[in-house]
Each structure stands twice: as C-alpha cells, then as structure tokens.
Amino acid sequence: MEFALTESQRAVQEQARALAGRFDDAYWRRCEGEHRFPWEFYEAFAAGGWLGIAMPPEYGGAGLGIAEAALLMEEVAASGAGMNGATALHLTIFGLNPVVRHGSAELKERVLSEAAAGKLHVAFGVTEPDAGSDTPSITTRAVREGDQFIIRGKKVWTSKALESSKVLLLARTTPLEECARRTDGMTLFLANLDPAHVTIRPIDKLGRNAVDSNEVFYDDLPVDARDVVGEVGRGFYHLLDGLNPERILVAAEALGTGKAALRRATAYAKQRHVFGRPIGQNQGIQFPLADSHAKLQAAELMIRKAAWLYDSGRPCGAEANMAKYLAAEWGFEAADRALQVHGGYGYAKEFDVERYWREVRVMRIAPVTQEMILNYLGQHELGLPRSY
C-alpha cells in the first residue's frame, strides 16, 4: 500500500498551486460581487493545458487520470478560488467524459481538441424542475425527424450556460411508459445552444455567483443525428461514466474549500488577541480547528482511494459517493467553524470566510444530495431494502 504521490502527481499539485495562487481572494471577491465569470483565471488555466488533463493525448489532452484531475481541483479550491474557480474549470474536465468513452470518432475529433484548448465551453443539461434526483422521470423529449432530432423541454441548474455554445443534453427518445426499465429510452446529445431555439434565464442564488446557474428552455431545438453521444436510448448508462468522476472531483473541491477556510481560521486564531492571549490558545477555539484538520485529512484519503480505483478500472461507486459525502460534510463544517472563529468579522465579506461558507454549502446538495448518497450506501453496501 503506497500513500505517496508520484513525481508527476506532485508536479501537478505544485504547478496548479502556483498558477491558482496568482489569483488572490480580492480577485474572487470582485468576481463574486460583480457576478462576473473569471475569464482571466479560466484563460490562464486553458493556456497551461489544464482543461485537457484527463483527455486522451490524440485530442490535445494530457492523458492523465482522475487522481491527477482531483489534485488539480483541490489546489484550485484551496487557493481561495473555492467553488467559483473550480466550477469554471471542472465541467470541461469531467463533463465530456461520456463523449470520450462513447462518442463516435467523428464527434470526438470535432469537439475534444477544442474543449481541451479551452476554446469550447460545454454546459451540462440533465436536471429538471420536476425530476430532480429521479432522472428517469425527465420529460424533455427528442423526436427523430430524418437526419436530426427535435428537442423540446426545460432544464434547471445548468451551470455556465451563458458562456457555453454547446450542452451535453439528456432527453427522452422513448416515453417512460413504453420502456421495459425506467432507465431505458433516454439519449445523450451534444447539442448547440442555438439562441433561436434556446432561452436561458439565470437563477439568483446564495453563492458561487461568478459562475451562472440557469433555467434553460428548449423550443424545438434541431440536433443533428451525428451529435448523439453513444447509442440512442442508452443515454442514462453513458451518463454514468461521468457521474463517478464528477463525485470525486466535487469531493476534491469541497476538500480544498474546507482547507482554505481552515487555513484562514488558523491564521486568525494565532494573531487575534483577546484578554491578553491569542484566541487559538483557548481549547474552545483550538479543538474544533484540530478536529476539522483530522476530518479533512480522512476525507482526502477517501478521495485518493476513489480516484485510484476509477483510474485502475475497478468499481468505485461506493467510494466515489463516500468521498463526496465526507468531503462535503467536513468541508462545510470547517468553513462554518472558520466563520465562528472570526466572530463578527466572519460575517464581513473582506475576510472571505463567509464566501467559502456559502460556496461549500452547495456541495451538500449538488451534484447529489447527502441523503441520496446514504440511500445508495444503505442499499448497495449494507444490503438494506431500498428506501425510496
């Protein structure tokens, strides 16, 4: 059993830390406050070739694994960029994995090189207002007409739609009532976000405001049959190839944000003096911070294990889910404690911990709720009856 990072993994970690470190908390505070996409940050990472870290070399990628991608995303979040910085990048890194795995040679040739170079922005259109975690209940429909499909429906929480020209879109090609299994009859498309047929409405939300989240309405959007990802009717199964990497990368981002918050709280506890002593000398402050340090270290180990299993081609559903669960729980707890350590200043935007707190909170909801993860673990790991 080897816990040390490889030489190439350490290089990823160090280089990502150095590049992300060029963008300080004041930069992220401005992007958040102005609801402005962090273009300078995005372009710096695109120019460095980081967006293609897990894509095949023949399409301009680095050909590395999810383990390396997780290290990248952890360092981005830990720099103080939090979820604003991470979300600006990660949709390209994991979102196109179904195309890498199941797309036709022609489709991969057409889109992956551009995506790896940072020239192509792709959003992720799966969640619907009335379906949520029950993906088979989606109602967005795609009807075949000759060499194209016509798509009509509505998606919600589609991140980066305002910046994207394409969307990885899941739609029903066979009505649910005609399917032998609920997960059949869905097809994955790499569709153009054509403004003549697509309406995008930003959602006003609690945090992570440098990267937009949107309602997206599809009004008879034509999609060329060449843009089907994999097999018609098997889109749900193709989509699964993006879910475990997504959980692992989101876990790394929650971990990094928790580490950023803990770093801030520890520094403040050392320099803030009350009643003639640093507040970090008080066990009421010191113990919660030490407890968060231990928990974040444990979450890191689960992330490393899940990524290693995925990159080794082994089953990793339980580990990917547990990594996301632990990192989201303990990353948020670390941010909450950091806010508490700062007292009233924790509520002030200039100290940044309130931003970390708001951004990491969403990781307990997205991309899957903590409760749904417990459902999965109870049923598939403990052998308990299905609870939903």
Protein backbone atom coordinates (compact mmCIF):
# COMPACT_ATOMS: atom_id res chain seq x y z
CA MET A 1 0.00 0.00 0.00
CA GLU A 2 1.58 3.25 -1.14
CA PHE A 3 0.33 6.65 0.04
CA ALA A 4 2.99 8.88 -1.50
CA LEU A 5 2.15 10.88 -4.61
CA THR A 6 4.11 10.06 -7.73
CA GLU A 7 6.58 12.55 -9.12
CA SER A 8 4.13 13.59 -11.85
CA GLN A 9 1.33 13.98 -9.32
CA ARG A 10 3.49 16.22 -7.14
CA ALA A 11 4.27 18.29 -10.23
CA VAL A 12 0.54 18.68 -10.94
CA GLN A 13 -0.05 19.73 -7.35
CA GLU A 14 2.81 22.24 -7.24
CA GLN A 15 2.17 23.79 -10.65
CA ALA A 16 -1.57 24.07 -10.08
CA ARG A 17 -0.95 25.69 -6.68
CA ALA A 18 1.43 28.21 -8.20
CA LEU A 19 -0.90 29.15 -11.05
CA ALA A 20 -4.01 29.38 -8.87
CA GLY A 21 -2.03 31.45 -6.38
CA ARG A 22 -1.77 34.25 -8.96
CA PHE A 23 -5.45 34.99 -8.30
CA ASP A 24 -5.95 36.23 -4.76
CA ASP A 25 -9.02 36.46 -2.57
CA ALA A 26 -9.64 40.04 -3.68
CA TYR A 27 -9.96 38.82 -7.28
CA TRP A 28 -12.53 36.21 -6.31
CA ARG A 29 -14.36 38.68 -4.10
CA ARG A 30 -14.74 41.01 -7.09
CA CYS A 31 -15.88 38.23 -9.46
CA GLU A 32 -18.42 37.06 -6.89
CA GLY A 33 -19.68 40.55 -6.14
CA GLU A 34 -19.96 41.52 -9.81
CA HIS A 35 -21.43 38.16 -10.87
CA ARG A 36 -18.64 38.08 -13.45
CA PHE A 37 -17.20 34.91 -14.98
CA PRO A 38 -13.48 34.64 -14.06
CA TRP A 39 -12.19 34.87 -17.62
CA GLU A 40 -8.59 35.77 -16.68
CA PHE A 41 -8.38 32.73 -14.42
CA TYR A 42 -10.03 30.44 -16.97
CA GLU A 43 -7.77 31.59 -19.79
CA ALA A 44 -4.64 31.14 -17.66
CA PHE A 45 -5.54 27.50 -16.98
CA ALA A 46 -6.61 26.92 -20.57
CA ALA A 47 -3.29 28.31 -21.84
CA GLY A 48 -1.46 25.97 -19.47
CA GLY A 49 -3.24 22.94 -20.93
CA TRP A 50 -5.02 22.09 -17.68
CA LEU A 51 -8.51 21.68 -19.14
CA GLY A 52 -7.45 18.58 -21.03
CA ILE A 53 -5.72 16.95 -18.06
CA ALA A 54 -7.86 13.79 -18.30
CA MET A 55 -8.49 13.79 -22.06
CA PRO A 56 -6.65 11.46 -24.47
CA PRO A 57 -3.39 12.85 -25.93
CA GLU A 58 -4.64 12.34 -29.51
CA TYR A 59 -7.19 15.09 -28.83
CA GLY A 60 -4.76 17.50 -27.24
CA GLY A 61 -5.16 16.24 -23.69
CA ALA A 62 -2.56 15.18 -21.16
CA GLY A 63 -3.90 11.64 -20.86
CA LEU A 64 -3.71 11.69 -17.05
CA GLY A 65 -6.25 10.22 -14.66
CA ILE A 66 -8.96 11.39 -12.31
CA ALA A 67 -6.39 11.19 -9.50
CA GLU A 68 -4.42 13.99 -11.13
CA ALA A 69 -7.57 15.92 -12.01
CA ALA A 70 -8.66 15.71 -8.36
CA LEU A 71 -5.31 17.11 -7.23
CA LEU A 72 -5.76 19.97 -9.69
CA MET A 73 -9.26 20.80 -8.47
CA GLU A 74 -8.29 20.56 -4.82
CA GLU A 75 -5.46 23.05 -5.31
CA VAL A 76 -7.72 25.42 -7.26
CA ALA A 77 -10.33 25.44 -4.49
CA ALA A 78 -7.73 25.59 -1.70
CA SER A 79 -6.13 28.68 -3.22
CA GLY A 80 -9.20 30.66 -2.16
CA ALA A 81 -10.92 30.30 -5.53
CA GLY A 82 -13.42 27.93 -3.89
CA MET A 83 -16.30 26.72 -6.00
CA ASN A 84 -16.25 29.75 -8.30
CA GLY A 85 -12.80 28.77 -9.57
CA ALA A 86 -13.49 25.04 -9.54
CA THR A 87 -16.78 25.22 -11.44
CA ALA A 88 -15.23 27.46 -14.09
CA LEU A 89 -12.98 24.51 -14.99
CA HIS A 90 -14.49 21.21 -13.94
CA LEU A 91 -17.35 20.96 -16.42
CA THR A 92 -14.79 20.60 -19.21
CA ILE A 93 -12.66 18.17 -17.21
CA PHE A 94 -15.35 15.62 -16.26
CA GLY A 95 -18.43 16.69 -18.22
CA LEU A 96 -17.14 15.46 -21.56
CA ASN A 97 -16.13 12.05 -20.22
CA PRO A 98 -19.21 10.38 -21.81
CA VAL A 99 -18.06 11.79 -25.17
CA VAL A 100 -14.55 10.42 -24.58
CA ARG A 101 -15.97 7.00 -23.66
CA HIS A 102 -18.92 6.69 -26.06
CA GLY A 103 -18.79 9.40 -28.71
CA SER A 104 -18.17 8.50 -32.35
CA ALA A 105 -14.69 9.05 -33.76
CA GLU A 106 -16.07 11.91 -35.84
CA LEU A 107 -17.70 13.60 -32.82
CA LYS A 108 -14.57 13.26 -30.68
CA GLU A 109 -12.41 14.66 -33.45
CA ARG A 110 -14.79 17.58 -33.84
CA VAL A 111 -15.09 18.71 -30.21
CA LEU A 112 -12.47 17.31 -27.83
CA SER A 113 -9.44 19.20 -29.13
CA GLU A 114 -11.32 22.49 -28.95
CA ALA A 115 -12.51 21.71 -25.43
CA ALA A 116 -9.03 20.71 -24.24
CA ALA A 117 -7.68 24.00 -25.59
CA GLY A 118 -10.35 25.95 -23.70
CA LYS A 119 -11.98 27.22 -26.89
CA LEU A 120 -15.21 25.27 -26.48
CA HIS A 121 -17.45 25.73 -23.45
CA VAL A 122 -19.93 22.95 -22.75
CA ALA A 123 -22.77 23.06 -20.21
CA PHE A 124 -24.43 20.03 -18.58
CA GLY A 125 -28.20 19.69 -19.08
CA VAL A 126 -29.69 16.83 -17.05
CA THR A 127 -31.65 18.12 -14.03
CA GLU A 128 -35.28 19.15 -14.49
CA PRO A 129 -37.63 21.10 -12.19
CA ASP A 130 -39.99 18.15 -11.59
CA ALA A 131 -37.48 15.29 -11.77
CA GLY A 132 -34.53 16.30 -9.56
CA SER A 133 -32.63 13.18 -8.47
CA ASP A 134 -35.23 10.96 -10.19
CA THR A 135 -33.54 11.22 -13.59
CA PRO A 136 -35.75 8.61 -15.36
CA SER A 137 -38.72 10.94 -14.76
CA ILE A 138 -37.36 13.64 -17.08
CA THR A 139 -39.87 14.90 -19.63
CA THR A 140 -37.63 16.70 -22.13
CA ARG A 141 -38.37 14.91 -25.42
CA ALA A 142 -36.31 14.31 -28.54
CA VAL A 143 -38.22 13.17 -31.63
CA ARG A 144 -36.43 11.80 -34.71
CA GLU A 145 -37.13 13.60 -37.97
CA GLY A 146 -34.92 12.30 -40.77
CA ASP A 147 -31.26 13.04 -40.03
CA GLN A 148 -31.98 15.12 -36.98
CA PHE A 149 -33.83 15.16 -33.66
CA ILE A 150 -36.17 17.90 -32.48
CA ILE A 151 -35.85 18.59 -28.76
CA ARG A 152 -38.42 20.31 -26.56
CA GLY A 153 -38.34 20.69 -22.78
CA LYS A 154 -36.86 22.51 -19.79
CA LYS A 155 -33.74 22.00 -17.69
CA VAL A 156 -32.69 23.70 -14.47
CA TRP A 157 -29.41 24.34 -12.63
CA THR A 158 -27.49 24.30 -15.91
CA SER A 159 -24.18 25.90 -14.95
CA LYS A 160 -22.18 28.01 -17.40
CA ALA A 161 -24.96 28.06 -20.00
CA LEU A 162 -24.40 31.78 -20.61
CA GLU A 163 -20.76 31.16 -21.55
CA SER A 164 -21.30 27.89 -23.41
CA SER A 165 -22.00 27.21 -27.07
CA LYS A 166 -22.92 23.55 -26.53
CA VAL A 167 -24.69 21.46 -23.91
CA LEU A 168 -24.45 17.78 -23.04
CA LEU A 169 -28.20 17.24 -23.00
CA LEU A 170 -30.20 14.25 -21.78
CA ALA A 171 -33.66 13.77 -23.34
CA ARG A 172 -36.24 11.02 -23.68
CA THR A 173 -36.42 9.42 -27.11
CA THR A 174 -38.89 6.79 -25.86
CA PRO A 175 -41.70 7.67 -23.42
CA LEU A 176 -41.19 6.24 -19.95
CA GLU A 177 -44.38 4.17 -20.09
CA GLU A 178 -43.08 2.33 -23.18
CA CYS A 179 -39.75 1.32 -21.58
CA ALA A 180 -39.04 -2.08 -20.03
CA ARG A 181 -36.77 -0.38 -17.47
CA ARG A 182 -37.14 3.17 -16.18
CA THR A 183 -33.53 3.91 -17.11
CA ASP A 184 -34.08 2.93 -20.76
CA GLY A 185 -35.23 5.25 -23.52
CA MET A 186 -33.04 8.27 -22.76
CA THR A 187 -30.48 9.62 -25.22
CA LEU A 188 -27.49 11.89 -24.69
CA PHE A 189 -26.86 14.70 -27.18
CA LEU A 190 -24.06 17.21 -27.60
CA ALA A 191 -26.37 19.97 -28.77
CA ASN A 192 -25.81 23.56 -29.85
CA LEU A 193 -27.25 26.23 -27.57
CA ASP A 194 -28.88 27.93 -30.53
CA PRO A 195 -30.49 31.20 -29.33
CA ALA A 196 -33.20 30.81 -31.99
CA HIS A 197 -34.48 27.74 -30.10
CA VAL A 198 -32.98 28.11 -26.61
CA THR A 199 -33.88 30.57 -23.85
CA ILE A 200 -31.53 30.92 -20.88
CA ARG A 201 -32.65 32.52 -17.60
CA PRO A 202 -30.09 32.97 -14.79
CA ILE A 203 -31.09 31.87 -11.28
CA ASP A 204 -30.43 34.34 -8.46
CA LYS A 205 -28.71 32.23 -5.83
CA LEU A 206 -26.94 32.22 -2.46
CA GLY A 207 -23.36 31.84 -3.62
CA ARG A 208 -20.92 30.86 -6.37
CA ASN A 209 -22.14 33.85 -8.32
CA ALA A 210 -19.11 34.21 -10.60
CA VAL A 211 -20.41 31.12 -12.44
CA ASP A 212 -24.02 31.32 -13.53
CA SER A 213 -26.68 28.67 -12.94
CA ASN A 214 -29.70 28.75 -15.20
CA GLU A 215 -33.10 27.58 -16.27
CA VAL A 216 -32.86 26.59 -19.93
CA PHE A 217 -35.88 26.23 -22.21
CA TYR A 218 -35.61 24.17 -25.42
CA ASP A 219 -38.19 25.08 -28.06
CA ASP A 220 -37.98 22.62 -30.97
CA LEU A 221 -34.17 22.65 -30.98
CA PRO A 222 -32.86 20.73 -34.02
CA VAL A 223 -29.90 18.45 -33.28
CA ASP A 224 -28.01 16.58 -35.97
CA ALA A 225 -28.02 12.80 -35.53
CA ARG A 226 -24.21 12.96 -35.68
CA ASP A 227 -24.35 14.70 -32.29
CA VAL A 228 -25.85 11.71 -30.48
CA VAL A 229 -23.38 10.52 -27.82
CA GLY A 230 -23.25 6.72 -27.92
CA GLU A 231 -26.40 4.73 -28.63
CA VAL A 232 -29.92 6.09 -28.94
CA GLY A 233 -31.90 5.00 -25.88
CA ARG A 234 -28.85 4.30 -23.73
CA GLY A 235 -28.02 7.84 -22.69
CA PHE A 236 -28.57 7.21 -18.98
CA TYR A 237 -25.95 4.45 -18.97
CA HIS A 238 -23.50 6.58 -20.92
CA LEU A 239 -24.09 9.40 -18.47
CA LEU A 240 -22.98 7.17 -15.61
CA ASP A 241 -19.42 7.33 -16.96
CA GLY A 242 -19.41 10.98 -15.94
CA LEU A 243 -21.02 10.58 -12.52
CA ASN A 244 -18.27 8.84 -10.54
CA PRO A 245 -15.56 11.23 -11.79
CA GLU A 246 -17.90 14.12 -11.01
CA ARG A 247 -18.36 12.96 -7.43
CA ILE A 248 -14.61 12.52 -6.97
CA LEU A 249 -13.78 15.96 -8.37
CA VAL A 250 -16.56 17.68 -6.41
CA ALA A 251 -15.23 15.97 -3.27
CA ALA A 252 -11.76 17.34 -4.01
CA GLU A 253 -13.22 20.82 -4.45
CA ALA A 254 -15.14 20.65 -1.16
CA LEU A 255 -11.95 19.43 0.50
CA GLY A 256 -9.93 22.30 -0.96
CA THR A 257 -12.50 24.88 0.09
CA GLY A 258 -12.54 23.41 3.60
CA LYS A 259 -8.75 23.63 3.70
CA ALA A 260 -8.85 27.27 2.59
CA ALA A 261 -11.31 28.07 5.38
CA LEU A 262 -9.27 26.16 7.96
CA ARG A 263 -6.08 27.95 6.88
CA ARG A 264 -7.77 31.32 7.30
CA ALA A 265 -9.22 30.40 10.70
CA THR A 266 -5.90 29.08 11.98
CA ALA A 267 -4.03 32.22 10.94
CA TYR A 268 -6.69 34.41 12.55
CA ALA A 269 -6.63 32.34 15.76
CA LYS A 270 -2.88 32.94 16.02
CA GLN A 271 -2.94 36.70 15.53
CA ARG A 272 -6.22 37.70 17.20
CA HIS A 273 -5.56 38.57 20.87
CA VAL A 274 -8.36 38.87 23.44
CA PHE A 275 -7.87 39.11 27.20
CA GLY A 276 -4.10 39.21 26.70
CA ARG A 277 -3.71 35.95 24.77
CA PRO A 278 -4.21 34.60 21.23
CA ILE A 279 -7.66 33.08 20.89
CA GLY A 280 -6.08 29.95 19.41
CA GLN A 281 -4.67 29.21 22.86
CA ASN A 282 -8.20 28.59 24.08
CA GLN A 283 -9.38 24.99 23.73
CA GLY A 284 -12.82 26.21 22.68
CA ILE A 285 -11.16 27.54 19.53
CA GLN A 286 -8.26 25.11 19.15
CA PHE A 287 -10.15 21.84 19.49
CA PRO A 288 -12.73 22.45 16.72
CA LEU A 289 -9.95 23.51 14.33
CA ALA A 290 -7.87 20.44 15.19
CA ASP A 291 -10.96 18.25 14.77
CA SER A 292 -11.61 19.74 11.31
CA HIS A 293 -7.99 19.15 10.33
CA ALA A 294 -8.31 15.46 11.23
CA LYS A 295 -11.59 15.10 9.35
CA LEU A 296 -10.30 16.81 6.20
CA GLN A 297 -7.27 14.51 6.21
CA ALA A 298 -9.58 11.49 6.41
CA ALA A 299 -11.75 12.81 3.55
CA GLU A 300 -8.59 13.28 1.49
CA LEU A 301 -7.73 9.61 1.88
CA MET A 302 -11.17 8.52 0.64
CA ILE A 303 -10.84 10.82 -2.38
CA ARG A 304 -7.43 9.35 -3.20
CA LYS A 305 -8.80 5.80 -2.89
CA ALA A 306 -11.84 6.50 -5.08
CA ALA A 307 -9.69 8.14 -7.77
CA TRP A 308 -7.20 5.26 -7.71
CA LEU A 309 -10.00 2.72 -8.13
CA TYR A 310 -11.52 4.66 -11.04
CA ASP A 311 -8.20 5.06 -12.82
CA SER A 312 -7.46 1.35 -12.28
CA GLY A 313 -10.72 0.39 -13.99
CA ARG A 314 -12.20 -1.03 -10.79
CA PRO A 315 -15.69 -0.47 -9.36
CA CYS A 316 -15.71 2.73 -7.34
CA GLY A 317 -19.35 3.76 -6.95
CA ALA A 318 -19.37 3.38 -3.17
CA GLU A 319 -16.00 5.07 -2.71
CA ALA A 320 -16.86 7.98 -5.04
CA ASN A 321 -20.09 8.53 -3.14
CA MET A 322 -18.41 8.27 0.26
CA ALA A 323 -15.67 10.68 -0.82
CA LYS A 324 -18.26 13.25 -1.85
CA TYR A 325 -20.29 12.67 1.32
CA LEU A 326 -17.37 13.07 3.73
CA ALA A 327 -15.71 15.99 1.95
CA ALA A 328 -19.00 17.90 1.66
CA GLU A 329 -19.88 17.33 5.32
CA TRP A 330 -16.48 18.13 6.72
CA GLY A 331 -15.59 20.86 4.23
CA PHE A 332 -18.73 22.75 5.21
CA GLU A 333 -18.11 22.10 8.91
CA ALA A 334 -14.60 23.54 8.56
CA ALA A 335 -15.98 26.64 6.84
CA ASP A 336 -18.68 27.05 9.49
CA ARG A 337 -16.10 26.79 12.24
CA ALA A 338 -13.85 29.27 10.45
CA LEU A 339 -16.72 31.75 10.35
CA GLN A 340 -17.37 31.19 14.06
CA VAL A 341 -13.69 31.69 14.95
CA HIS A 342 -13.75 35.08 13.24
CA GLY A 343 -16.74 36.15 15.32
CA GLY A 344 -18.48 39.18 13.86
CA TYR A 345 -15.70 39.58 11.28
CA GLY A 346 -16.68 36.19 9.87
CA TYR A 347 -19.82 37.87 8.56
CA ALA A 348 -17.79 40.56 6.80
CA LYS A 349 -17.01 39.96 3.14
CA GLU A 350 -13.47 41.32 3.39
CA PHE A 351 -12.42 38.32 5.49
CA ASP A 352 -13.64 35.85 2.80
CA VAL A 353 -14.69 33.05 5.13
CA GLU A 354 -18.37 33.89 4.55
CA ARG A 355 -17.73 33.33 0.84
CA TYR A 356 -16.13 29.94 1.49
CA TRP A 357 -19.09 29.09 3.75
CA ARG A 358 -21.66 29.98 1.08
CA GLU A 359 -19.80 28.21 -1.72
CA VAL A 360 -19.05 24.92 0.01
CA ARG A 361 -22.60 24.67 1.38
CA VAL A 362 -23.93 23.73 -2.06
CA MET A 363 -21.72 20.62 -2.08
CA ARG A 364 -24.08 19.02 0.44
CA ILE A 365 -26.80 19.33 -2.23
CA ALA A 366 -25.05 19.03 -5.59
CA PRO A 367 -24.49 17.06 -7.72
CA VAL A 368 -26.34 14.59 -5.48
CA THR A 369 -27.75 15.18 -2.01
CA GLN A 370 -26.19 13.66 1.08
CA GLU A 371 -29.46 11.81 1.71
CA MET A 372 -29.36 10.13 -1.72
CA ILE A 373 -25.80 9.01 -1.03
CA LEU A 374 -26.95 7.43 2.24
CA ASN A 375 -29.75 5.71 0.32
CA TYR A 376 -27.15 4.30 -2.07
CA LEU A 377 -24.84 3.12 0.71
CA GLY A 378 -27.66 1.61 2.75
CA GLN A 379 -28.97 -0.36 -0.21
CA HIS A 380 -25.82 -1.32 -2.11
CA GLU A 381 -23.23 -1.55 0.67
CA LEU A 382 -25.29 -2.67 3.67
CA GLY A 383 -27.85 -4.72 1.78
CA LEU A 384 -30.82 -2.91 3.33
CA PRO A 385 -34.16 -2.60 1.50
CA ARG A 386 -34.48 0.25 -1.00
CA SER A 387 -35.82 3.23 0.95
CA TYR A 388 -37.13 5.46 -1.81
